[in-house]
Amino acid sequence: MIPPRGDIASPVAAEWARSRTRGEAHHAKDHPRALVLADPAPHLARALEESGHSVTRWHRFLTPGQQCTAWPPRGPFDEVWVRMPRSSLEAAMLLHAASARVEDGARIHLFGAGDEGIRSAAKHFPAGTGEVQTALIKRRCRVLVAAREASPPHADGLGSWETRVPIDWGTGARDWTFYPGVFAHGRLDPATALLIECLPRVPAGARILDFGAGTGPLAAAALERGGDGAEAVLLDADAISLAAAARNVPAGKQVLGRDLAAVSGPFDLIVSNPPIHTGKPQSLRTVEAFIREAPRVLARRGELIVVAQRRLPVGDLLARSFNRVRTDADRGPVRVRATVAP
């Protein structure tokens, strides 16, 4: 689960949107429809609305004021704006989705900061778009624009971007579904693997919560250790990660949410490799709120097990909410901490 970013790229894109003449916008409608993909900040959407656009905002991460689904709405739209994502493969996926939502001649925009790879991002535009031009360079950000000339090569839909890779946490290799932009794409994260080694046996009928579940390996491993009737709830703020988790852990219940308010306890076991970044900057806000609220949803004698980098004060955070905290594993840069509710 990775919270959405906010930075200067959206204000720069907003400046370009305001500066365009009606002819440059390449539309003749009184209220053209614009789709903004993966931009957590409000600046661009506000600028487009001020210029008479009807704006639809979509984000894969749960973000106030935006549609949050595993795939953008179909449209059609008169233009699309894509916020530069974290990975090249995700950029290609979103630009394909953008191209599938406009007609020939419509403009597709990609905007982002220099340290996010925007300077070399023209290569991510799909076949079927024309020459990619740099519309604006400002404050180390760029706005790229190209016109659609033909349908993109990938079929429209998240399934076109599915990757299946074998992973093994010690009980045998299994094919695992990944989509662009999910945590630990194409591999089993070492910290997650260490936590799996520490998982206890789960009694019959137990309820398990995987907080920040990603593609679901912790929930799947916990269910393997569970008795008859064990139930797993997978909580994440990324709709695409949950789509992968639904494929990987079909017995689990996927819940879209950013905090424990999205689920109802009690849980006999809570496991988490929690998010510690908001984009690039490190932030403990999500972890602090999660640990603070965990006692509310833990069953009596329920267990909370968390893995995190050992340099982070997770032990101190746990000690604020629980009387006893133990270290189950300490290996290299990561540490597994656990506690039991009274």
C-alpha atoms as a PDB file:
ATOM      1  CA  MET A   1       0.000   0.000   0.000  1.00  0.00           C
ATOM      2  CA  ILE A   2       1.682   3.191  -1.167  1.00  0.00           C
ATOM      3  CA  PRO A   3       0.028   6.552  -0.477  1.00  0.00           C
ATOM      4  CA  PRO A   4      -0.254   8.951  -3.414  1.00  0.00           C
ATOM      5  CA  ARG A   5       2.285  11.698  -4.071  1.00  0.00           C
ATOM      6  CA  GLY A   6       1.897  15.452  -4.157  1.00  0.00           C
ATOM      7  CA  ASP A   7       4.509  17.808  -5.629  1.00  0.00           C
ATOM      8  CA  ILE A   8       5.083  20.612  -8.136  1.00  0.00           C
ATOM      9  CA  ALA A   9       4.340  18.630 -11.304  1.00  0.00           C
ATOM     10  CA  SER A  10       0.595  19.245 -11.129  1.00  0.00           C
ATOM     11  CA  PRO A  11       0.952  23.062 -10.773  1.00  0.00           C
ATOM     12  CA  VAL A  12       3.291  23.082 -13.789  1.00  0.00           C
ATOM     13  CA  ALA A  13       0.804  21.060 -15.848  1.00  0.00           C
ATOM     14  CA  ALA A  14      -1.940  23.426 -14.676  1.00  0.00           C
ATOM     15  CA  GLU A  15       0.051  26.390 -15.947  1.00  0.00           C
ATOM     16  CA  TRP A  16       0.310  24.810 -19.389  1.00  0.00           C
ATOM     17  CA  ALA A  17      -3.402  23.963 -19.393  1.00  0.00           C
ATOM     18  CA  ARG A  18      -4.292  27.594 -18.641  1.00  0.00           C
ATOM     19  CA  SER A  19      -1.908  28.968 -21.261  1.00  0.00           C
ATOM     20  CA  ARG A  20      -3.303  27.008 -24.208  1.00  0.00           C
ATOM     21  CA  THR A  21      -5.468  28.779 -26.747  1.00  0.00           C
ATOM     22  CA  ARG A  22      -8.677  27.110 -27.830  1.00  0.00           C
ATOM     23  CA  GLY A  23      -7.022  26.086 -31.089  1.00  0.00           C
ATOM     24  CA  GLU A  24      -4.102  24.499 -29.282  1.00  0.00           C
ATOM     25  CA  ALA A  25      -6.485  22.452 -27.177  1.00  0.00           C
ATOM     26  CA  HIS A  26      -7.736  20.783 -30.381  1.00  0.00           C
ATOM     27  CA  HIS A  27     -11.390  20.582 -29.486  1.00  0.00           C
ATOM     28  CA  ALA A  28     -14.464  22.363 -30.680  1.00  0.00           C
ATOM     29  CA  LYS A  29     -16.911  21.405 -27.949  1.00  0.00           C
ATOM     30  CA  ASP A  30     -18.309  23.931 -25.517  1.00  0.00           C
ATOM     31  CA  HIS A  31     -17.572  21.605 -22.597  1.00  0.00           C
ATOM     32  CA  PRO A  32     -14.831  19.169 -23.657  1.00  0.00           C
ATOM     33  CA  ARG A  33     -14.288  16.122 -21.484  1.00  0.00           C
ATOM     34  CA  ALA A  34     -10.861  15.692 -19.908  1.00  0.00           C
ATOM     35  CA  LEU A  35      -9.582  12.636 -18.063  1.00  0.00           C
ATOM     36  CA  VAL A  36      -6.806  13.118 -15.498  1.00  0.00           C
ATOM     37  CA  LEU A  37      -5.010   9.923 -14.513  1.00  0.00           C
ATOM     38  CA  ALA A  38      -2.973   9.327 -11.345  1.00  0.00           C
ATOM     39  CA  ASP A  39      -2.568  12.941 -10.214  1.00  0.00           C
ATOM     40  CA  PRO A  40      -3.191  13.270  -6.453  1.00  0.00           C
ATOM     41  CA  ALA A  41      -2.945  17.071  -6.484  1.00  0.00           C
ATOM     42  CA  PRO A  42      -5.889  19.306  -7.470  1.00  0.00           C
ATOM     43  CA  HIS A  43      -4.085  21.994  -9.494  1.00  0.00           C
ATOM     44  CA  LEU A  44      -4.427  20.538 -12.997  1.00  0.00           C
ATOM     45  CA  ALA A  45      -8.049  19.482 -12.590  1.00  0.00           C
ATOM     46  CA  ARG A  46      -8.924  22.929 -11.265  1.00  0.00           C
ATOM     47  CA  ALA A  47      -7.214  24.644 -14.206  1.00  0.00           C
ATOM     48  CA  LEU A  48      -9.057  22.458 -16.709  1.00  0.00           C
ATOM     49  CA  GLU A  49     -12.397  23.156 -15.046  1.00  0.00           C
ATOM     50  CA  GLU A  50     -11.686  26.886 -15.097  1.00  0.00           C
ATOM     51  CA  SER A  51     -11.148  26.658 -18.850  1.00  0.00           C
ATOM     52  CA  GLY A  52     -14.551  25.022 -19.359  1.00  0.00           C
ATOM     53  CA  HIS A  53     -13.648  21.331 -19.293  1.00  0.00           C
ATOM     54  CA  SER A  54     -15.701  18.633 -17.684  1.00  0.00           C
ATOM     55  CA  VAL A  55     -13.051  16.757 -15.695  1.00  0.00           C
ATOM     56  CA  THR A  56     -12.987  13.139 -14.549  1.00  0.00           C
ATOM     57  CA  ARG A  57     -10.201  12.224 -12.138  1.00  0.00           C
ATOM     58  CA  TRP A  58      -8.989   8.657 -11.641  1.00  0.00           C
ATOM     59  CA  HIS A  59      -6.364   7.225  -9.334  1.00  0.00           C
ATOM     60  CA  ARG A  60      -5.437   3.623  -8.587  1.00  0.00           C
ATOM     61  CA  PHE A  61      -4.732   4.728  -4.989  1.00  0.00           C
ATOM     62  CA  LEU A  62      -7.608   5.733  -2.780  1.00  0.00           C
ATOM     63  CA  THR A  63      -7.554   9.530  -3.054  1.00  0.00           C
ATOM     64  CA  PRO A  64     -10.259  12.028  -2.007  1.00  0.00           C
ATOM     65  CA  GLY A  65     -12.290  13.406  -4.897  1.00  0.00           C
ATOM     66  CA  GLN A  66     -11.166  10.791  -7.419  1.00  0.00           C
ATOM     67  CA  GLN A  67     -12.532   7.571  -8.821  1.00  0.00           C
ATOM     68  CA  CYS A  68     -10.525   4.682  -7.395  1.00  0.00           C
ATOM     69  CA  THR A  69     -10.873   1.498  -9.409  1.00  0.00           C
ATOM     70  CA  ALA A  70      -8.528  -1.048 -10.948  1.00  0.00           C
ATOM     71  CA  TRP A  71      -8.929   0.527 -14.408  1.00  0.00           C
ATOM     72  CA  PRO A  72      -9.866   4.009 -15.648  1.00  0.00           C
ATOM     73  CA  PRO A  73     -13.421   4.818 -16.819  1.00  0.00           C
ATOM     74  CA  ARG A  74     -14.036   4.151 -20.501  1.00  0.00           C
ATOM     75  CA  GLY A  75     -15.055   7.587 -21.687  1.00  0.00           C
ATOM     76  CA  PRO A  76     -14.775   8.591 -24.495  1.00  0.00           C
ATOM     77  CA  PHE A  77     -12.825  11.730 -23.610  1.00  0.00           C
ATOM     78  CA  ASP A  78     -11.566  14.655 -25.662  1.00  0.00           C
ATOM     79  CA  GLU A  79      -8.137  14.696 -24.030  1.00  0.00           C
ATOM     80  CA  VAL A  80      -6.231  12.791 -21.354  1.00  0.00           C
ATOM     81  CA  TRP A  81      -3.576  13.899 -18.878  1.00  0.00           C
ATOM     82  CA  VAL A  82      -1.315  11.299 -17.223  1.00  0.00           C
ATOM     83  CA  ARG A  83       0.773  11.975 -14.126  1.00  0.00           C
ATOM     84  CA  MET A  84       4.186  10.294 -14.507  1.00  0.00           C
ATOM     85  CA  PRO A  85       4.085   7.165 -12.302  1.00  0.00           C
ATOM     86  CA  ARG A  86       6.908   5.459 -10.464  1.00  0.00           C
ATOM     87  CA  SER A  87       7.824   2.773 -12.991  1.00  0.00           C
ATOM     88  CA  SER A  88       8.379   2.764 -16.738  1.00  0.00           C
ATOM     89  CA  LEU A  89       6.034  -0.181 -17.189  1.00  0.00           C
ATOM     90  CA  GLU A  90       3.278   1.612 -15.314  1.00  0.00           C
ATOM     91  CA  ALA A  91       3.828   4.701 -17.468  1.00  0.00           C
ATOM     92  CA  ALA A  92       3.402   2.595 -20.610  1.00  0.00           C
ATOM     93  CA  MET A  93       0.259   0.997 -19.159  1.00  0.00           C
ATOM     94  CA  LEU A  94      -1.373   4.341 -18.310  1.00  0.00           C
ATOM     95  CA  LEU A  95      -0.490   5.855 -21.682  1.00  0.00           C
ATOM     96  CA  HIS A  96      -2.041   2.851 -23.434  1.00  0.00           C
ATOM     97  CA  ALA A  97      -5.169   3.322 -21.322  1.00  0.00           C
ATOM     98  CA  ALA A  98      -5.168   7.025 -22.205  1.00  0.00           C
ATOM     99  CA  SER A  99      -4.911   6.311 -25.924  1.00  0.00           C
ATOM    100  CA  ALA A 100      -7.798   3.845 -25.728  1.00  0.00           C
ATOM    101  CA  ARG A 101     -10.051   6.553 -24.280  1.00  0.00           C
ATOM    102  CA  VAL A 102      -9.795   9.164 -27.015  1.00  0.00           C
ATOM    103  CA  GLU A 103     -10.416   9.322 -30.740  1.00  0.00           C
ATOM    104  CA  ASP A 104      -7.836   9.930 -33.458  1.00  0.00           C
ATOM    105  CA  GLY A 105      -6.500  13.466 -33.327  1.00  0.00           C
ATOM    106  CA  ALA A 106      -7.064  13.908 -29.592  1.00  0.00           C
ATOM    107  CA  ARG A 107      -4.177  14.934 -27.382  1.00  0.00           C
ATOM    108  CA  ILE A 108      -2.519  12.771 -24.729  1.00  0.00           C
ATOM    109  CA  HIS A 109      -0.377  14.548 -22.128  1.00  0.00           C
ATOM    110  CA  LEU A 110       2.247  13.146 -19.765  1.00  0.00           C
ATOM    111  CA  PHE A 111       3.670  15.345 -17.021  1.00  0.00           C
ATOM    112  CA  GLY A 112       6.127  14.845 -14.197  1.00  0.00           C
ATOM    113  CA  ALA A 113       9.384  15.870 -12.555  1.00  0.00           C
ATOM    114  CA  GLY A 114      12.895  15.381 -13.886  1.00  0.00           C
ATOM    115  CA  ASP A 115      13.919  13.004 -11.101  1.00  0.00           C
ATOM    116  CA  GLU A 116      10.969  10.770 -12.005  1.00  0.00           C
ATOM    117  CA  GLY A 117      12.216  10.090 -15.524  1.00  0.00           C
ATOM    118  CA  ILE A 118      10.061  12.551 -17.454  1.00  0.00           C
ATOM    119  CA  ARG A 119      13.014  13.666 -19.623  1.00  0.00           C
ATOM    120  CA  SER A 120      13.172  10.230 -21.277  1.00  0.00           C
ATOM    121  CA  ALA A 121       9.469   9.398 -21.006  1.00  0.00           C
ATOM    122  CA  ALA A 122       8.587   9.988 -24.664  1.00  0.00           C
ATOM    123  CA  LYS A 123       9.527   6.348 -25.326  1.00  0.00           C
ATOM    124  CA  HIS A 124       6.613   5.194 -23.159  1.00  0.00           C
ATOM    125  CA  PHE A 125       3.963   6.568 -25.520  1.00  0.00           C
ATOM    126  CA  PRO A 126       2.394   3.656 -27.430  1.00  0.00           C
ATOM    127  CA  ALA A 127       2.570   2.970 -31.118  1.00  0.00           C
ATOM    128  CA  GLY A 128      -0.334   4.775 -32.704  1.00  0.00           C
ATOM    129  CA  THR A 129       0.539   8.169 -31.271  1.00  0.00           C
ATOM    130  CA  GLY A 130       2.275  10.847 -33.281  1.00  0.00           C
ATOM    131  CA  GLU A 131       5.470  12.711 -32.509  1.00  0.00           C
ATOM    132  CA  VAL A 132       5.871  13.464 -28.816  1.00  0.00           C
ATOM    133  CA  GLN A 133       6.550  17.147 -28.223  1.00  0.00           C
ATOM    134  CA  THR A 134       7.681  18.979 -25.098  1.00  0.00           C
ATOM    135  CA  ALA A 135       5.009  21.562 -24.418  1.00  0.00           C
ATOM    136  CA  LEU A 136       6.546  23.101 -21.299  1.00  0.00           C
ATOM    137  CA  ILE A 137       9.731  22.846 -19.212  1.00  0.00           C
ATOM    138  CA  LYS A 138       9.578  24.594 -15.872  1.00  0.00           C
ATOM    139  CA  ARG A 139      10.744  24.037 -12.300  1.00  0.00           C
ATOM    140  CA  ARG A 140      12.491  20.822 -13.341  1.00  0.00           C
ATOM    141  CA  CYS A 141       9.199  19.449 -14.618  1.00  0.00           C
ATOM    142  CA  ARG A 142       7.963  18.785 -18.141  1.00  0.00           C
ATOM    143  CA  VAL A 143       4.692  18.439 -19.959  1.00  0.00           C
ATOM    144  CA  LEU A 144       4.842  16.104 -22.979  1.00  0.00           C
ATOM    145  CA  VAL A 145       2.065  15.934 -25.556  1.00  0.00           C
ATOM    146  CA  ALA A 146       1.242  13.746 -28.555  1.00  0.00           C
ATOM    147  CA  ALA A 147      -1.831  13.180 -30.714  1.00  0.00           C
ATOM    148  CA  ARG A 148      -3.435   9.794 -31.130  1.00  0.00           C
ATOM    149  CA  GLU A 149      -3.259   8.551 -34.721  1.00  0.00           C
ATOM    150  CA  ALA A 150      -4.457   4.949 -34.298  1.00  0.00           C
ATOM    151  CA  SER A 151      -5.567   2.467 -31.673  1.00  0.00           C
ATOM    152  CA  PRO A 152      -2.844   1.390 -29.217  1.00  0.00           C
ATOM    153  CA  PRO A 153      -1.345  -2.095 -29.661  1.00  0.00           C
ATOM    154  CA  HIS A 154      -2.421  -3.493 -26.269  1.00  0.00           C
ATOM    155  CA  ALA A 155      -6.025  -4.506 -25.743  1.00  0.00           C
ATOM    156  CA  ASP A 156      -7.775  -2.144 -23.347  1.00  0.00           C
ATOM    157  CA  GLY A 157      -7.919  -3.617 -19.864  1.00  0.00           C
ATOM    158  CA  LEU A 158      -5.772  -4.455 -16.864  1.00  0.00           C
ATOM    159  CA  GLY A 159      -5.530  -8.076 -17.969  1.00  0.00           C
ATOM    160  CA  SER A 160      -3.308  -7.072 -20.880  1.00  0.00           C
ATOM    161  CA  TRP A 161      -0.639  -6.060 -18.348  1.00  0.00           C
ATOM    162  CA  GLU A 162      -0.726  -9.147 -16.151  1.00  0.00           C
ATOM    163  CA  THR A 163       2.542 -10.900 -15.348  1.00  0.00           C
ATOM    164  CA  ARG A 164       2.709 -14.304 -13.668  1.00  0.00           C
ATOM    165  CA  VAL A 165       5.976 -15.152 -11.914  1.00  0.00           C
ATOM    166  CA  PRO A 166       6.753 -18.140  -9.655  1.00  0.00           C
ATOM    167  CA  ILE A 167       7.413 -17.185  -6.023  1.00  0.00           C
ATOM    168  CA  ASP A 168       8.166 -19.458  -3.069  1.00  0.00           C
ATOM    169  CA  TRP A 169       8.092 -18.664   0.655  1.00  0.00           C
ATOM    170  CA  GLY A 170       9.221 -22.152   1.629  1.00  0.00           C
ATOM    171  CA  THR A 171       6.153 -24.246   0.897  1.00  0.00           C
ATOM    172  CA  GLY A 172       6.613 -24.659  -2.845  1.00  0.00           C
ATOM    173  CA  ALA A 173       6.657 -22.392  -5.869  1.00  0.00           C
ATOM    174  CA  ARG A 174       3.365 -21.003  -7.133  1.00  0.00           C
ATOM    175  CA  ASP A 175       2.523 -18.694 -10.014  1.00  0.00           C
ATOM    176  CA  TRP A 176       1.849 -15.216  -8.673  1.00  0.00           C
ATOM    177  CA  THR A 177      -0.004 -12.421 -10.462  1.00  0.00           C
ATOM    178  CA  PHE A 178       1.544  -8.957 -10.700  1.00  0.00           C
ATOM    179  CA  TYR A 179       0.482  -5.758 -12.455  1.00  0.00           C
ATOM    180  CA  PRO A 180       2.639  -2.693 -13.168  1.00  0.00           C
ATOM    181  CA  GLY A 181       3.226  -0.450 -10.188  1.00  0.00           C
ATOM    182  CA  VAL A 182       2.461  -2.975  -7.430  1.00  0.00           C
ATOM    183  CA  PHE A 183       4.857  -3.355  -4.513  1.00  0.00           C
ATOM    184  CA  ALA A 184       7.721  -5.826  -5.124  1.00  0.00           C
ATOM    185  CA  HIS A 185       6.697  -6.401  -8.755  1.00  0.00           C
ATOM    186  CA  GLY A 186       7.858  -9.806 -10.004  1.00  0.00           C
ATOM    187  CA  ARG A 187       9.389 -11.030  -6.743  1.00  0.00           C
ATOM    188  CA  LEU A 188       8.837 -11.898  -3.096  1.00  0.00           C
ATOM    189  CA  ASP A 189      10.005  -8.960  -0.985  1.00  0.00           C
ATOM    190  CA  PRO A 190      12.742 -10.100   1.475  1.00  0.00           C
ATOM    191  CA  ALA A 191      11.095  -8.375   4.441  1.00  0.00           C
ATOM    192  CA  THR A 192       7.797 -10.058   3.635  1.00  0.00           C
ATOM    193  CA  ALA A 193       9.584 -13.414   3.367  1.00  0.00           C
ATOM    194  CA  LEU A 194      11.122 -12.889   6.817  1.00  0.00           C
ATOM    195  CA  LEU A 195       7.753 -12.132   8.365  1.00  0.00           C
ATOM    196  CA  ILE A 196       6.306 -15.273   6.769  1.00  0.00           C
ATOM    197  CA  GLU A 197       8.998 -17.303   8.553  1.00  0.00           C
ATOM    198  CA  CYS A 198       7.675 -15.913  11.855  1.00  0.00           C
ATOM    199  CA  LEU A 199       3.988 -16.587  11.283  1.00  0.00           C
ATOM    200  CA  PRO A 200       2.332 -18.647  14.017  1.00  0.00           C
ATOM    201  CA  ARG A 201      -0.113 -21.453  13.542  1.00  0.00           C
ATOM    202  CA  VAL A 202      -3.591 -19.998  13.088  1.00  0.00           C
ATOM    203  CA  PRO A 203      -6.458 -21.751  14.897  1.00  0.00           C
ATOM    204  CA  ALA A 204      -9.585 -22.950  13.172  1.00  0.00           C
ATOM    205  CA  GLY A 205     -12.052 -20.170  12.475  1.00  0.00           C
ATOM    206  CA  ALA A 206      -9.520 -17.424  13.117  1.00  0.00           C
ATOM    207  CA  ARG A 207      -9.819 -14.037  11.423  1.00  0.00           C
ATOM    208  CA  ILE A 208      -6.656 -12.678   9.807  1.00  0.00           C
ATOM    209  CA  LEU A 209      -6.024  -9.104   8.640  1.00  0.00           C
ATOM    210  CA  ASP A 210      -3.246  -8.278   6.180  1.00  0.00           C
ATOM    211  CA  PHE A 211      -2.730  -4.516   6.441  1.00  0.00           C
ATOM    212  CA  GLY A 212      -1.130  -3.028   3.307  1.00  0.00           C
ATOM    213  CA  ALA A 213      -1.628  -6.399   1.657  1.00  0.00           C
ATOM    214  CA  GLY A 214      -0.215  -5.585  -1.782  1.00  0.00           C
ATOM    215  CA  THR A 215      -0.564  -8.664  -3.978  1.00  0.00           C
ATOM    216  CA  GLY A 216      -1.358 -10.844  -0.953  1.00  0.00           C
ATOM    217  CA  PRO A 217       1.612 -13.079   0.017  1.00  0.00           C
ATOM    218  CA  LEU A 218       1.256 -12.532   3.780  1.00  0.00           C
ATOM    219  CA  ALA A 219      -2.445 -13.369   3.738  1.00  0.00           C
ATOM    220  CA  ALA A 220      -1.842 -16.446   1.586  1.00  0.00           C
ATOM    221  CA  ALA A 221       0.928 -17.718   3.848  1.00  0.00           C
ATOM    222  CA  ALA A 222      -1.157 -17.083   6.974  1.00  0.00           C
ATOM    223  CA  LEU A 223      -4.081 -19.011   5.503  1.00  0.00           C
ATOM    224  CA  GLU A 224      -1.727 -21.934   4.824  1.00  0.00           C
ATOM    225  CA  ARG A 225      -1.053 -22.031   8.555  1.00  0.00           C
ATOM    226  CA  GLY A 226      -4.716 -21.672   9.398  1.00  0.00           C
ATOM    227  CA  GLY A 227      -7.154 -24.253  10.601  1.00  0.00           C
ATOM    228  CA  ASP A 228     -10.527 -24.984   9.053  1.00  0.00           C
ATOM    229  CA  GLY A 229     -12.667 -21.912   8.519  1.00  0.00           C
ATOM    230  CA  ALA A 230      -9.865 -19.360   8.844  1.00  0.00           C
ATOM    231  CA  GLU A 231     -10.732 -16.077   7.129  1.00  0.00           C
ATOM    232  CA  ALA A 232      -8.355 -13.505   5.635  1.00  0.00           C
ATOM    233  CA  VAL A 233      -9.118  -9.835   4.975  1.00  0.00           C
ATOM    234  CA  LEU A 234      -6.683  -8.006   2.687  1.00  0.00           C
ATOM    235  CA  LEU A 235      -6.643  -4.220   3.147  1.00  0.00           C
ATOM    236  CA  ASP A 236      -4.859  -1.903   0.728  1.00  0.00           C
ATOM    237  CA  ALA A 237      -5.278   1.579  -0.730  1.00  0.00           C
ATOM    238  CA  ASP A 238      -4.267   0.462  -4.243  1.00  0.00           C
ATOM    239  CA  ALA A 239      -7.122  -0.916  -6.330  1.00  0.00           C
ATOM    240  CA  ILE A 240      -4.714  -2.540  -8.784  1.00  0.00           C
ATOM    241  CA  SER A 241      -2.841  -4.352  -6.013  1.00  0.00           C
ATOM    242  CA  LEU A 242      -6.165  -5.663  -4.752  1.00  0.00           C
ATOM    243  CA  ALA A 243      -7.019  -6.870  -8.263  1.00  0.00           C
ATOM    244  CA  ALA A 244      -3.804  -8.916  -8.172  1.00  0.00           C
ATOM    245  CA  ALA A 245      -4.592 -10.101  -4.642  1.00  0.00           C
ATOM    246  CA  ALA A 246      -7.996 -11.325  -5.801  1.00  0.00           C
ATOM    247  CA  ARG A 247      -6.203 -13.569  -8.311  1.00  0.00           C
ATOM    248  CA  ASN A 248      -3.559 -14.722  -5.842  1.00  0.00           C
ATOM    249  CA  VAL A 249      -5.714 -15.216  -2.738  1.00  0.00           C
ATOM    250  CA  PRO A 250      -9.213 -15.992  -4.049  1.00  0.00           C
ATOM    251  CA  ALA A 251     -10.280 -17.212  -0.605  1.00  0.00           C
ATOM    252  CA  GLY A 252      -9.551 -13.797   0.888  1.00  0.00           C
ATOM    253  CA  LYS A 253     -11.736 -10.714   1.110  1.00  0.00           C
ATOM    254  CA  GLN A 254     -10.222  -7.634  -0.545  1.00  0.00           C
ATOM    255  CA  VAL A 255     -11.011  -4.261   1.067  1.00  0.00           C
ATOM    256  CA  LEU A 256     -10.045  -0.914  -0.427  1.00  0.00           C
ATOM    257  CA  GLY A 257      -8.978   1.412   2.368  1.00  0.00           C
ATOM    258  CA  ARG A 258      -6.183   3.496   3.829  1.00  0.00           C
ATOM    259  CA  ASP A 259      -6.604   2.705   7.523  1.00  0.00           C
ATOM    260  CA  LEU A 260      -8.284   0.377   9.991  1.00  0.00           C
ATOM    261  CA  ALA A 261     -11.527   2.345   9.833  1.00  0.00           C
ATOM    262  CA  ALA A 262     -12.227   0.398   6.618  1.00  0.00           C
ATOM    263  CA  VAL A 263     -12.503  -2.964   8.423  1.00  0.00           C
ATOM    264  CA  SER A 264     -14.424  -4.420  11.331  1.00  0.00           C
ATOM    265  CA  GLY A 265     -12.719  -6.500  13.994  1.00  0.00           C
ATOM    266  CA  PRO A 266     -12.012  -8.439  15.962  1.00  0.00           C
ATOM    267  CA  PHE A 267      -9.044 -10.136  14.298  1.00  0.00           C
ATOM    268  CA  ASP A 268      -7.068 -12.961  15.866  1.00  0.00           C
ATOM    269  CA  LEU A 269      -3.976 -12.144  13.821  1.00  0.00           C
ATOM    270  CA  ILE A 270      -2.884  -8.937  12.101  1.00  0.00           C
ATOM    271  CA  VAL A 271       0.169  -9.053   9.830  1.00  0.00           C
ATOM    272  CA  SER A 272       1.778  -6.180   7.982  1.00  0.00           C
ATOM    273  CA  ASN A 273       4.747  -5.043   5.958  1.00  0.00           C
ATOM    274  CA  PRO A 274       3.450  -1.469   6.191  1.00  0.00           C
ATOM    275  CA  PRO A 275       4.128   1.389   3.779  1.00  0.00           C
ATOM    276  CA  ILE A 276       6.678   3.933   4.950  1.00  0.00           C
ATOM    277  CA  HIS A 277       6.851   6.242   1.930  1.00  0.00           C
ATOM    278  CA  THR A 278       4.679   8.939   0.424  1.00  0.00           C
ATOM    279  CA  GLY A 279       6.211   8.900  -3.031  1.00  0.00           C
ATOM    280  CA  LYS A 280       9.940   9.286  -2.399  1.00  0.00           C
ATOM    281  CA  PRO A 281       9.932  10.966   1.039  1.00  0.00           C
ATOM    282  CA  GLN A 282       9.751   8.649   4.030  1.00  0.00           C
ATOM    283  CA  SER A 283       6.718   9.022   6.260  1.00  0.00           C
ATOM    284  CA  LEU A 284       5.681   7.096   9.364  1.00  0.00           C
ATOM    285  CA  ARG A 285       2.196   8.616   9.413  1.00  0.00           C
ATOM    286  CA  THR A 286       0.457   5.500   8.079  1.00  0.00           C
ATOM    287  CA  VAL A 287       2.424   3.167  10.369  1.00  0.00           C
ATOM    288  CA  GLU A 288       1.779   5.321  13.441  1.00  0.00           C
ATOM    289  CA  ALA A 289      -1.972   5.433  12.793  1.00  0.00           C
ATOM    290  CA  PHE A 290      -2.082   1.695  12.074  1.00  0.00           C
ATOM    291  CA  ILE A 291      -0.308   0.724  15.311  1.00  0.00           C
ATOM    292  CA  ARG A 292      -2.289   3.242  17.364  1.00  0.00           C
ATOM    293  CA  GLU A 293      -5.619   1.824  16.127  1.00  0.00           C
ATOM    294  CA  ALA A 294      -4.616  -1.867  16.101  1.00  0.00           C
ATOM    295  CA  PRO A 295      -5.738  -2.640  19.688  1.00  0.00           C
ATOM    296  CA  ARG A 296      -9.261  -1.587  18.736  1.00  0.00           C
ATOM    297  CA  VAL A 297      -9.594  -4.350  16.112  1.00  0.00           C
ATOM    298  CA  LEU A 298      -7.510  -7.082  17.772  1.00  0.00           C
ATOM    299  CA  ALA A 299      -9.312  -9.904  19.543  1.00  0.00           C
ATOM    300  CA  ARG A 300      -8.443 -10.665  23.161  1.00  0.00           C
ATOM    301  CA  ARG A 301      -5.061 -12.385  23.076  1.00  0.00           C
ATOM    302  CA  GLY A 302      -4.894 -11.544  19.388  1.00  0.00           C
ATOM    303  CA  GLU A 303      -1.447 -11.125  17.855  1.00  0.00           C
ATOM    304  CA  LEU A 304       0.030  -8.278  15.795  1.00  0.00           C
ATOM    305  CA  ILE A 305       3.184  -9.009  13.754  1.00  0.00           C
ATOM    306  CA  VAL A 306       4.943  -6.239  11.824  1.00  0.00           C
ATOM    307  CA  VAL A 307       8.115  -6.200   9.733  1.00  0.00           C
ATOM    308  CA  ALA A 308      10.015  -2.988   9.047  1.00  0.00           C
ATOM    309  CA  GLN A 309      13.506  -1.647   8.534  1.00  0.00           C
ATOM    310  CA  ARG A 310      15.385  -1.920  11.815  1.00  0.00           C
ATOM    311  CA  ARG A 311      16.390   1.762  11.708  1.00  0.00           C
ATOM    312  CA  LEU A 312      12.737   2.778  12.067  1.00  0.00           C
ATOM    313  CA  PRO A 313      11.250   3.251  15.566  1.00  0.00           C
ATOM    314  CA  VAL A 314       8.542   0.642  15.092  1.00  0.00           C
ATOM    315  CA  GLY A 315       9.346  -0.958  18.445  1.00  0.00           C
ATOM    316  CA  ASP A 316       8.785   2.371  20.180  1.00  0.00           C
ATOM    317  CA  LEU A 317       5.499   2.866  18.344  1.00  0.00           C
ATOM    318  CA  LEU A 318       4.320  -0.588  19.411  1.00  0.00           C
ATOM    319  CA  ALA A 319       5.334   0.070  23.017  1.00  0.00           C
ATOM    320  CA  ARG A 320       3.014   3.088  23.120  1.00  0.00           C
ATOM    321  CA  SER A 321      -0.026   0.899  22.384  1.00  0.00           C
ATOM    322  CA  PHE A 322       0.933  -2.498  23.846  1.00  0.00           C
ATOM    323  CA  ASN A 323       2.365  -3.583  27.182  1.00  0.00           C
ATOM    324  CA  ARG A 324       4.697  -6.237  25.805  1.00  0.00           C
ATOM    325  CA  VAL A 325       6.641  -6.173  22.546  1.00  0.00           C
ATOM    326  CA  ARG A 326       9.001  -8.890  21.391  1.00  0.00           C
ATOM    327  CA  THR A 327      11.453  -9.278  18.523  1.00  0.00           C
ATOM    328  CA  ASP A 328      10.814 -12.436  16.520  1.00  0.00           C
ATOM    329  CA  ALA A 329      13.534 -11.926  13.898  1.00  0.00           C
ATOM    330  CA  ASP A 330      16.378  -9.510  13.266  1.00  0.00           C
ATOM    331  CA  ARG A 331      18.125 -10.088   9.962  1.00  0.00           C
ATOM    332  CA  GLY A 332      20.164  -7.585   8.018  1.00  0.00           C
ATOM    333  CA  PRO A 333      18.278  -4.314   7.569  1.00  0.00           C
ATOM    334  CA  VAL A 334      14.871  -5.607   8.720  1.00  0.00           C
ATOM    335  CA  ARG A 335      13.314  -6.671  11.989  1.00  0.00           C
ATOM    336  CA  VAL A 336      10.080  -8.487  12.835  1.00  0.00           C
ATOM    337  CA  ARG A 337       8.264  -7.182  15.897  1.00  0.00           C
ATOM    338  CA  ALA A 338       5.262  -8.824  17.516  1.00  0.00           C
ATOM    339  CA  THR A 339       2.879  -8.192  20.377  1.00  0.00           C
ATOM    340  CA  VAL A 340      -0.194  -9.767  21.930  1.00  0.00           C
ATOM    341  CA  ALA A 341      -3.329  -7.886  22.917  1.00  0.00           C
ATOM    342  CA  PRO A 342      -4.261  -8.233  26.637  1.00  0.00           C
END
